């Protein structure tokens, strides 16, 4: 069966990196704007290494740094 609606997710979003300014919203995680895809990829990898976390690339090209 699927996850129950009362269960807390087993991950934490630490950072969100995007190249589109309109996607930078206030949230509980660090949200960063990068000038290019290459810069966003490099920034994401550096943050993930520093925080000992994992990286997820979304279908829209943005990156999330998560800790499981």
C-alpha atoms as a PDB file:
ATOM      1  CA  UNK A   1       0.000   0.000   0.000  1.00  0.00           C
ATOM      2  CA  UNK A   2       1.022   3.627  -0.327  1.00  0.00           C
ATOM      3  CA  UNK A   3       2.305   5.932   2.358  1.00  0.00           C
ATOM      4  CA  UNK A   4      -0.337   6.893   4.880  1.00  0.00           C
ATOM      5  CA  UNK A   5      -1.309  10.565   4.843  1.00  0.00           C
ATOM      6  CA  UNK A   6      -0.363  10.923   8.505  1.00  0.00           C
ATOM      7  CA  UNK A   7       3.193   9.640   8.041  1.00  0.00           C
ATOM      8  CA  UNK A   8       6.028  12.139   7.935  1.00  0.00           C
ATOM      9  CA  UNK A   9       8.170  12.007   4.759  1.00  0.00           C
ATOM     10  CA  UNK A  10      11.479  10.218   5.232  1.00  0.00           C
ATOM     11  CA  UNK A  11      13.535  12.939   3.541  1.00  0.00           C
ATOM     12  CA  UNK A  12      14.435  16.588   4.012  1.00  0.00           C
ATOM     13  CA  UNK A  13      14.884  19.111   1.201  1.00  0.00           C
ATOM     14  CA  UNK A  14      18.017  21.090   2.048  1.00  0.00           C
ATOM     15  CA  UNK A  15      18.365  23.220  -1.081  1.00  0.00           C
ATOM     16  CA  UNK A  16      16.627  24.002  -4.381  1.00  0.00           C
ATOM     17  CA  UNK A  17      18.685  25.346  -7.302  1.00  0.00           C
ATOM     18  CA  UNK A  18      17.068  26.814 -10.415  1.00  0.00           C
ATOM     19  CA  UNK A  19      17.932  28.948 -13.448  1.00  0.00           C
ATOM     20  CA  UNK A  20      14.475  30.564 -13.611  1.00  0.00           C
ATOM     21  CA  UNK A  21      13.978  33.547 -11.311  1.00  0.00           C
ATOM     22  CA  UNK A  22      10.213  33.013 -11.056  1.00  0.00           C
ATOM     23  CA  UNK A  23      10.829  29.661  -9.340  1.00  0.00           C
ATOM     24  CA  UNK A  24      12.757  31.253  -6.468  1.00  0.00           C
ATOM     25  CA  UNK A  25      10.162  31.284  -3.696  1.00  0.00           C
ATOM     26  CA  UNK A  26      10.317  31.701   0.039  1.00  0.00           C
ATOM     27  CA  UNK A  27      10.564  28.326   1.740  1.00  0.00           C
ATOM     28  CA  UNK A  28      12.137  26.548   4.668  1.00  0.00           C
ATOM     29  CA  UNK A  29      15.013  25.315   2.494  1.00  0.00           C
ATOM     30  CA  UNK A  30      17.828  27.228   0.834  1.00  0.00           C
ATOM     31  CA  UNK A  31      16.631  28.386  -2.617  1.00  0.00           C
ATOM     32  CA  UNK A  32      19.276  29.580  -5.072  1.00  0.00           C
ATOM     33  CA  UNK A  33      19.240  31.164  -8.532  1.00  0.00           C
ATOM     34  CA  UNK A  34      22.036  30.236 -10.958  1.00  0.00           C
ATOM     35  CA  UNK A  35      22.923  32.077 -14.171  1.00  0.00           C
ATOM     36  CA  UNK A  36      23.319  28.918 -16.293  1.00  0.00           C
ATOM     37  CA  UNK A  37      22.693  25.161 -16.256  1.00  0.00           C
ATOM     38  CA  UNK A  38      26.419  24.520 -15.810  1.00  0.00           C
ATOM     39  CA  UNK A  39      26.571  26.883 -12.827  1.00  0.00           C
ATOM     40  CA  UNK A  40      23.490  25.288 -11.249  1.00  0.00           C
ATOM     41  CA  UNK A  41      24.938  21.790 -11.656  1.00  0.00           C
ATOM     42  CA  UNK A  42      28.287  22.807 -10.134  1.00  0.00           C
ATOM     43  CA  UNK A  43      26.608  24.678  -7.275  1.00  0.00           C
ATOM     44  CA  UNK A  44      24.334  21.731  -6.504  1.00  0.00           C
ATOM     45  CA  UNK A  45      27.196  19.225  -6.400  1.00  0.00           C
ATOM     46  CA  UNK A  46      29.227  21.483  -4.095  1.00  0.00           C
ATOM     47  CA  UNK A  47      26.294  21.956  -1.696  1.00  0.00           C
ATOM     48  CA  UNK A  48      25.539  18.234  -1.646  1.00  0.00           C
ATOM     49  CA  UNK A  49      29.168  17.373  -0.866  1.00  0.00           C
ATOM     50  CA  UNK A  50      29.302  19.929   1.938  1.00  0.00           C
ATOM     51  CA  UNK A  51      26.050  18.706   3.493  1.00  0.00           C
ATOM     52  CA  UNK A  52      26.679  14.994   2.794  1.00  0.00           C
ATOM     53  CA  UNK A  53      23.401  14.793   0.914  1.00  0.00           C
ATOM     54  CA  UNK A  54      21.967  13.468  -2.355  1.00  0.00           C
ATOM     55  CA  UNK A  55      21.059  15.356  -5.533  1.00  0.00           C
ATOM     56  CA  UNK A  56      17.871  14.948  -7.544  1.00  0.00           C
ATOM     57  CA  UNK A  57      17.471  16.552 -10.971  1.00  0.00           C
ATOM     58  CA  UNK A  58      13.852  17.379 -11.733  1.00  0.00           C
ATOM     59  CA  UNK A  59      12.244  17.065 -15.181  1.00  0.00           C
ATOM     60  CA  UNK A  60      12.239  20.872 -15.497  1.00  0.00           C
ATOM     61  CA  UNK A  61      16.055  20.973 -15.116  1.00  0.00           C
ATOM     62  CA  UNK A  62      16.105  22.259 -11.539  1.00  0.00           C
ATOM     63  CA  UNK A  63      18.017  20.460  -8.785  1.00  0.00           C
ATOM     64  CA  UNK A  64      17.068  19.526  -5.239  1.00  0.00           C
ATOM     65  CA  UNK A  65      19.569  18.603  -2.538  1.00  0.00           C
ATOM     66  CA  UNK A  66      17.929  16.116  -0.184  1.00  0.00           C
ATOM     67  CA  UNK A  67      18.898  14.153   2.903  1.00  0.00           C
ATOM     68  CA  UNK A  68      17.257  10.763   3.311  1.00  0.00           C
END
